[in-house]
Amino acid sequence: MHHAVDAGAARELSALRAEFYRCLPRRADALFELTDAVLCTDGPVRSVAVLSLVGEHRRGHGSGDAALARGRVNINRLRTALTAVSLPRAADGRLVLAVDVTCWLRPEAHTCSQRILCHT
């Protein structure tokens, strides 16, 4: 992808990570490492304790639970940071988006009120 090899994309990702960290007013280090672990783990996440085994999570297994219980996220600041990120584009300018195409039916799955759930 054209966007992935762009040096500006790497700077933008680095800036987004720094801004995401600033969106975490409480338990920032633990929440940040927990987020890295979620993004870097192979396969689905079954529990917070399993995330402590991922290399990006350098803390004890109890820190993830404590971060989720007592940590905070400044949602408004995070929303602003995410809207500032440019959309990934192919070399010809078309948008490149990821889509979950799993065939598992999950009728009990919760969705945002702005999103519909359509099983095909």
N, C-alpha and C. Protein backbone atom coordinates (compact mmCIF):
# COMPACT_ATOMS: atom_id res chain seq x y z
N MET A 1 0.84 -1.19 0.00
CA MET A 1 0.00 0.00 0.00
C MET A 1 0.88 1.24 0.00
N HIS A 2 0.46 2.21 -0.72
CA HIS A 2 1.19 3.47 -0.81
C HIS A 2 1.28 4.15 0.55
N HIS A 3 0.18 4.12 1.30
CA HIS A 3 0.11 4.81 2.59
C HIS A 3 1.08 4.18 3.60
N ALA A 4 1.26 2.86 3.53
CA ALA A 4 2.06 2.16 4.53
C ALA A 4 3.55 2.46 4.39
N VAL A 5 4.04 2.76 3.19
CA VAL A 5 5.46 3.01 3.01
C VAL A 5 5.80 4.49 3.13
N ASP A 6 4.79 5.31 3.30
CA ASP A 6 4.99 6.74 3.42
C ASP A 6 5.60 7.06 4.79
N ALA A 7 6.69 7.83 4.80
CA ALA A 7 7.32 8.21 6.08
C ALA A 7 6.38 9.06 6.91
N GLY A 8 5.52 9.82 6.25
CA GLY A 8 4.55 10.64 6.97
C GLY A 8 3.56 9.78 7.74
N ALA A 9 3.26 8.60 7.22
CA ALA A 9 2.34 7.69 7.91
C ALA A 9 2.94 7.21 9.22
N ALA A 10 4.23 6.94 9.20
CA ALA A 10 4.90 6.50 10.44
C ALA A 10 4.89 7.62 11.47
N ARG A 11 5.13 8.85 11.03
CA ARG A 11 5.07 9.99 11.96
C ARG A 11 3.66 10.18 12.50
N GLU A 12 2.67 10.00 11.62
CA GLU A 12 1.28 10.16 12.06
C GLU A 12 0.90 9.09 13.08
N LEU A 13 1.35 7.87 12.85
CA LEU A 13 1.08 6.79 13.81
C LEU A 13 1.75 7.07 15.14
N SER A 14 2.98 7.54 15.09
CA SER A 14 3.70 7.88 16.32
C SER A 14 2.98 9.00 17.08
N ALA A 15 2.51 10.00 16.36
CA ALA A 15 1.78 11.11 16.99
C ALA A 15 0.47 10.61 17.58
N LEU A 16 -0.21 9.69 16.88
CA LEU A 16 -1.47 9.15 17.40
C LEU A 16 -1.22 8.35 18.68
N ARG A 17 -0.15 7.57 18.72
CA ARG A 17 0.17 6.81 19.93
C ARG A 17 0.44 7.74 21.10
N ALA A 18 1.18 8.82 20.84
CA ALA A 18 1.48 9.78 21.90
C ALA A 18 0.21 10.47 22.39
N GLU A 19 -0.67 10.82 21.47
CA GLU A 19 -1.92 11.47 21.86
C GLU A 19 -2.84 10.48 22.60
N PHE A 20 -2.85 9.22 22.17
CA PHE A 20 -3.64 8.21 22.87
C PHE A 20 -3.17 8.09 24.32
N TYR A 21 -1.85 8.10 24.51
CA TYR A 21 -1.31 8.02 25.88
C TYR A 21 -1.80 9.21 26.71
N ARG A 22 -1.85 10.38 26.10
CA ARG A 22 -2.33 11.57 26.83
C ARG A 22 -3.84 11.51 27.10
N CYS A 23 -4.55 10.60 26.44
CA CYS A 23 -5.99 10.42 26.69
C CYS A 23 -6.24 9.54 27.91
N LEU A 24 -5.20 9.05 28.54
CA LEU A 24 -5.31 8.14 29.68
C LEU A 24 -4.86 8.85 30.95
N PRO A 25 -5.78 9.54 31.64
CA PRO A 25 -5.38 10.31 32.82
C PRO A 25 -5.05 9.45 34.05
N ARG A 26 -5.57 8.24 34.14
CA ARG A 26 -5.28 7.37 35.28
C ARG A 26 -4.86 6.00 34.78
N ARG A 27 -3.80 5.46 35.39
CA ARG A 27 -3.25 4.14 35.01
C ARG A 27 -2.84 4.10 33.55
N ALA A 28 -2.24 5.20 33.08
CA ALA A 28 -1.89 5.34 31.67
C ALA A 28 -0.93 4.26 31.19
N ASP A 29 0.14 4.01 31.95
CA ASP A 29 1.13 3.02 31.50
C ASP A 29 0.51 1.64 31.34
N ALA A 30 -0.25 1.22 32.31
CA ALA A 30 -0.86 -0.11 32.27
C ALA A 30 -1.90 -0.21 31.16
N LEU A 31 -2.73 0.81 30.99
CA LEU A 31 -3.73 0.79 29.92
C LEU A 31 -3.07 0.82 28.55
N PHE A 32 -2.00 1.58 28.42
CA PHE A 32 -1.30 1.67 27.14
C PHE A 32 -0.69 0.32 26.77
N GLU A 33 -0.06 -0.34 27.74
CA GLU A 33 0.52 -1.66 27.47
C GLU A 33 -0.56 -2.70 27.21
N LEU A 34 -1.67 -2.58 27.89
CA LEU A 34 -2.79 -3.48 27.65
C LEU A 34 -3.31 -3.32 26.22
N THR A 35 -3.38 -2.09 25.76
CA THR A 35 -3.82 -1.82 24.38
C THR A 35 -2.82 -2.40 23.39
N ASP A 36 -1.54 -2.21 23.63
CA ASP A 36 -0.52 -2.80 22.75
C ASP A 36 -0.65 -4.32 22.72
N ALA A 37 -0.89 -4.92 23.86
CA ALA A 37 -1.02 -6.37 23.93
C ALA A 37 -2.23 -6.84 23.12
N VAL A 38 -3.34 -6.13 23.21
CA VAL A 38 -4.54 -6.50 22.44
C VAL A 38 -4.24 -6.44 20.95
N LEU A 39 -3.52 -5.39 20.54
CA LEU A 39 -3.22 -5.21 19.12
C LEU A 39 -2.19 -6.20 18.60
N CYS A 40 -1.32 -6.70 19.46
CA CYS A 40 -0.22 -7.56 19.02
C CYS A 40 -0.43 -9.04 19.27
N THR A 41 -1.48 -9.42 19.96
CA THR A 41 -1.70 -10.82 20.27
C THR A 41 -2.15 -11.59 19.03
N ASP A 42 -1.85 -12.87 19.00
CA ASP A 42 -2.30 -13.72 17.91
C ASP A 42 -3.66 -14.30 18.27
N GLY A 43 -4.66 -14.06 17.46
CA GLY A 43 -5.96 -14.64 17.68
C GLY A 43 -6.82 -13.83 18.63
N PRO A 44 -7.98 -14.36 18.94
CA PRO A 44 -8.90 -13.63 19.83
C PRO A 44 -8.41 -13.59 21.27
N VAL A 45 -8.79 -12.53 21.96
CA VAL A 45 -8.42 -12.37 23.37
C VAL A 45 -9.51 -13.02 24.22
N ARG A 46 -9.12 -13.99 25.02
CA ARG A 46 -10.08 -14.72 25.85
C ARG A 46 -10.20 -14.14 27.25
N SER A 47 -9.12 -13.52 27.75
CA SER A 47 -9.17 -12.94 29.08
C SER A 47 -8.04 -11.91 29.22
N VAL A 48 -8.19 -11.06 30.21
CA VAL A 48 -7.17 -10.05 30.48
C VAL A 48 -5.89 -10.73 30.96
N ALA A 49 -6.02 -11.80 31.72
CA ALA A 49 -4.84 -12.51 32.22
C ALA A 49 -4.00 -13.07 31.09
N VAL A 50 -4.63 -13.53 30.02
CA VAL A 50 -3.89 -14.06 28.87
C VAL A 50 -3.07 -12.96 28.22
N LEU A 51 -3.56 -11.73 28.25
CA LEU A 51 -2.81 -10.61 27.66
C LEU A 51 -1.50 -10.36 28.38
N SER A 52 -1.42 -10.74 29.65
CA SER A 52 -0.17 -10.52 30.39
C SER A 52 0.95 -11.40 29.86
N LEU A 53 0.63 -12.40 29.05
CA LEU A 53 1.64 -13.28 28.47
C LEU A 53 2.20 -12.74 27.16
N VAL A 54 1.54 -11.73 26.58
CA VAL A 54 2.01 -11.13 25.33
C VAL A 54 3.23 -10.27 25.64
N GLY A 55 4.23 -10.31 24.77
CA GLY A 55 5.50 -9.62 25.00
C GLY A 55 5.35 -8.12 25.21
N GLU A 56 4.37 -7.49 24.58
CA GLU A 56 4.19 -6.05 24.71
C GLU A 56 3.66 -5.64 26.08
N HIS A 57 3.13 -6.59 26.83
CA HIS A 57 2.63 -6.32 28.17
C HIS A 57 3.71 -6.70 29.16
N ARG A 58 4.41 -5.71 29.69
CA ARG A 58 5.59 -5.98 30.52
C ARG A 58 5.27 -5.95 32.01
N ARG A 59 4.03 -5.86 32.38
CA ARG A 59 3.65 -5.75 33.79
C ARG A 59 3.15 -7.09 34.30
N GLY A 60 2.87 -7.14 35.57
CA GLY A 60 2.32 -8.35 36.17
C GLY A 60 0.91 -8.63 35.68
N HIS A 61 0.46 -9.87 35.87
CA HIS A 61 -0.86 -10.24 35.35
C HIS A 61 -2.00 -9.49 36.03
N GLY A 62 -1.82 -9.02 37.23
CA GLY A 62 -2.88 -8.29 37.93
C GLY A 62 -3.02 -6.84 37.51
N SER A 63 -1.99 -6.30 36.83
CA SER A 63 -2.04 -4.89 36.46
C SER A 63 -3.11 -4.60 35.41
N GLY A 64 -3.40 -5.57 34.56
CA GLY A 64 -4.44 -5.38 33.55
C GLY A 64 -5.81 -5.22 34.18
N ASP A 65 -6.12 -6.08 35.13
CA ASP A 65 -7.41 -5.97 35.83
C ASP A 65 -7.50 -4.67 36.61
N ALA A 66 -6.42 -4.29 37.27
CA ALA A 66 -6.42 -3.03 38.03
C ALA A 66 -6.58 -1.83 37.11
N ALA A 67 -5.92 -1.87 35.95
CA ALA A 67 -6.04 -0.76 35.00
C ALA A 67 -7.46 -0.64 34.48
N LEU A 68 -8.09 -1.76 34.20
CA LEU A 68 -9.47 -1.71 33.71
C LEU A 68 -10.44 -1.26 34.81
N ALA A 69 -10.14 -1.64 36.03
CA ALA A 69 -11.02 -1.28 37.14
C ALA A 69 -10.86 0.18 37.57
N ARG A 70 -9.62 0.68 37.59
CA ARG A 70 -9.37 2.02 38.15
C ARG A 70 -8.85 3.04 37.14
N GLY A 71 -8.51 2.57 35.94
CA GLY A 71 -8.01 3.48 34.92
C GLY A 71 -9.12 4.33 34.32
N ARG A 72 -8.74 5.38 33.63
CA ARG A 72 -9.70 6.27 32.99
C ARG A 72 -9.24 6.58 31.58
N VAL A 73 -10.22 6.84 30.70
CA VAL A 73 -9.96 7.27 29.33
C VAL A 73 -10.74 8.54 29.10
N ASN A 74 -10.06 9.57 28.62
CA ASN A 74 -10.72 10.82 28.26
C ASN A 74 -11.30 10.62 26.86
N ILE A 75 -12.58 10.25 26.80
CA ILE A 75 -13.24 9.88 25.55
C ILE A 75 -13.29 11.05 24.57
N ASN A 76 -13.59 12.25 25.04
CA ASN A 76 -13.66 13.39 24.12
C ASN A 76 -12.32 13.67 23.47
N ARG A 77 -11.26 13.59 24.24
CA ARG A 77 -9.92 13.82 23.67
C ARG A 77 -9.56 12.70 22.69
N LEU A 78 -9.91 11.46 23.03
CA LEU A 78 -9.64 10.34 22.14
C LEU A 78 -10.42 10.48 20.84
N ARG A 79 -11.67 10.87 20.94
CA ARG A 79 -12.50 11.07 19.75
C ARG A 79 -11.86 12.12 18.83
N THR A 80 -11.40 13.22 19.41
CA THR A 80 -10.75 14.27 18.63
C THR A 80 -9.47 13.75 17.98
N ALA A 81 -8.69 12.96 18.72
CA ALA A 81 -7.45 12.41 18.17
C ALA A 81 -7.72 11.48 17.00
N LEU A 82 -8.75 10.65 17.12
CA LEU A 82 -9.05 9.70 16.06
C LEU A 82 -9.59 10.38 14.80
N THR A 83 -10.33 11.46 14.97
CA THR A 83 -10.85 12.15 13.79
C THR A 83 -9.76 12.91 13.04
N ALA A 84 -8.62 13.15 13.69
CA ALA A 84 -7.52 13.86 13.03
C ALA A 84 -6.65 12.93 12.18
N VAL A 85 -6.83 11.63 12.31
CA VAL A 85 -6.02 10.66 11.57
C VAL A 85 -6.51 10.58 10.13
N SER A 86 -5.57 10.63 9.18
CA SER A 86 -5.97 10.53 7.78
C SER A 86 -6.37 9.09 7.47
N LEU A 87 -7.26 8.94 6.51
CA LEU A 87 -7.71 7.61 6.12
C LEU A 87 -6.67 6.96 5.21
N PRO A 88 -6.44 5.65 5.37
CA PRO A 88 -5.44 4.97 4.53
C PRO A 88 -5.92 4.90 3.09
N ARG A 89 -5.01 5.17 2.17
CA ARG A 89 -5.36 5.17 0.75
C ARG A 89 -4.36 4.33 -0.04
N ALA A 90 -4.85 3.71 -1.10
CA ALA A 90 -3.99 2.97 -2.02
C ALA A 90 -3.25 3.98 -2.91
N ALA A 91 -2.32 3.49 -3.71
CA ALA A 91 -1.53 4.38 -4.56
C ALA A 91 -2.41 5.19 -5.51
N ASP A 92 -3.55 4.63 -5.92
CA ASP A 92 -4.43 5.36 -6.84
C ASP A 92 -5.43 6.26 -6.13
N GLY A 93 -5.32 6.38 -4.81
CA GLY A 93 -6.18 7.30 -4.06
C GLY A 93 -7.43 6.68 -3.45
N ARG A 94 -7.71 5.41 -3.77
CA ARG A 94 -8.89 4.76 -3.19
C ARG A 94 -8.68 4.49 -1.71
N LEU A 95 -9.76 4.57 -0.93
CA LEU A 95 -9.68 4.26 0.51
C LEU A 95 -9.41 2.77 0.70
N VAL A 96 -8.62 2.46 1.72
CA VAL A 96 -8.32 1.08 2.07
C VAL A 96 -8.85 0.86 3.48
N LEU A 97 -9.88 0.05 3.61
CA LEU A 97 -10.51 -0.19 4.90
C LEU A 97 -10.54 -1.68 5.20
N ALA A 98 -10.51 -2.02 6.48
CA ALA A 98 -10.59 -3.42 6.90
C ALA A 98 -12.03 -3.75 7.27
N VAL A 99 -12.44 -4.97 6.97
CA VAL A 99 -13.80 -5.41 7.25
C VAL A 99 -13.72 -6.78 7.91
N ASP A 100 -14.53 -6.97 8.94
CA ASP A 100 -14.62 -8.28 9.59
C ASP A 100 -15.55 -9.15 8.77
N VAL A 101 -15.03 -10.20 8.16
CA VAL A 101 -15.84 -11.06 7.32
C VAL A 101 -15.97 -12.46 7.90
N THR A 102 -15.90 -12.56 9.21
CA THR A 102 -16.04 -13.87 9.83
C THR A 102 -17.44 -14.40 9.57
N CYS A 103 -17.53 -15.71 9.50
CA CYS A 103 -18.82 -16.34 9.20
C CYS A 103 -19.56 -16.76 10.46
N TRP A 104 -19.09 -16.36 11.60
CA TRP A 104 -19.75 -16.73 12.85
C TRP A 104 -20.96 -15.85 13.08
N LEU A 105 -22.11 -16.46 13.26
CA LEU A 105 -23.31 -15.70 13.60
C LEU A 105 -23.25 -15.35 15.07
N ARG A 106 -23.46 -14.09 15.38
CA ARG A 106 -23.43 -13.63 16.76
C ARG A 106 -24.64 -12.74 17.02
N PRO A 107 -25.84 -13.31 17.08
CA PRO A 107 -27.03 -12.48 17.26
C PRO A 107 -27.06 -11.75 18.59
N GLU A 108 -26.30 -12.22 19.58
CA GLU A 108 -26.28 -11.55 20.88
C GLU A 108 -25.25 -10.43 20.95
N ALA A 109 -24.48 -10.24 19.87
CA ALA A 109 -23.44 -9.21 19.87
C ALA A 109 -24.06 -7.82 19.94
N HIS A 110 -23.48 -6.97 20.76
CA HIS A 110 -23.96 -5.61 20.91
C HIS A 110 -23.31 -4.73 19.85
N THR A 111 -24.05 -3.78 19.34
CA THR A 111 -23.52 -2.84 18.36
C THR A 111 -23.83 -1.42 18.80
N CYS A 112 -23.14 -0.47 18.21
CA CYS A 112 -23.41 0.93 18.47
C CYS A 112 -24.80 1.29 17.94
N SER A 113 -25.42 2.30 18.52
CA SER A 113 -26.76 2.69 18.06
C SER A 113 -26.74 3.22 16.63
N GLN A 114 -25.58 3.71 16.17
CA GLN A 114 -25.47 4.22 14.81
C GLN A 114 -25.16 3.12 13.79
N ARG A 115 -25.01 1.89 14.25
CA ARG A 115 -24.61 0.79 13.39
C ARG A 115 -25.70 -0.26 13.38
N ILE A 116 -25.89 -0.89 12.23
CA ILE A 116 -26.89 -1.96 12.15
C ILE A 116 -26.17 -3.30 12.18
N LEU A 117 -26.89 -4.32 12.56
CA LEU A 117 -26.37 -5.67 12.58
C LEU A 117 -27.07 -6.44 11.49
N CYS A 118 -26.35 -6.91 10.52
CA CYS A 118 -26.93 -7.58 9.36
C CYS A 118 -26.25 -8.91 9.16
N HIS A 119 -26.93 -10.01 9.42
CA HIS A 119 -26.38 -11.34 9.18
C HIS A 119 -26.73 -11.77 7.77
N THR A 120 -25.73 -12.25 7.04
CA THR A 120 -25.99 -12.75 5.69
C THR A 120 -25.50 -14.17 5.59
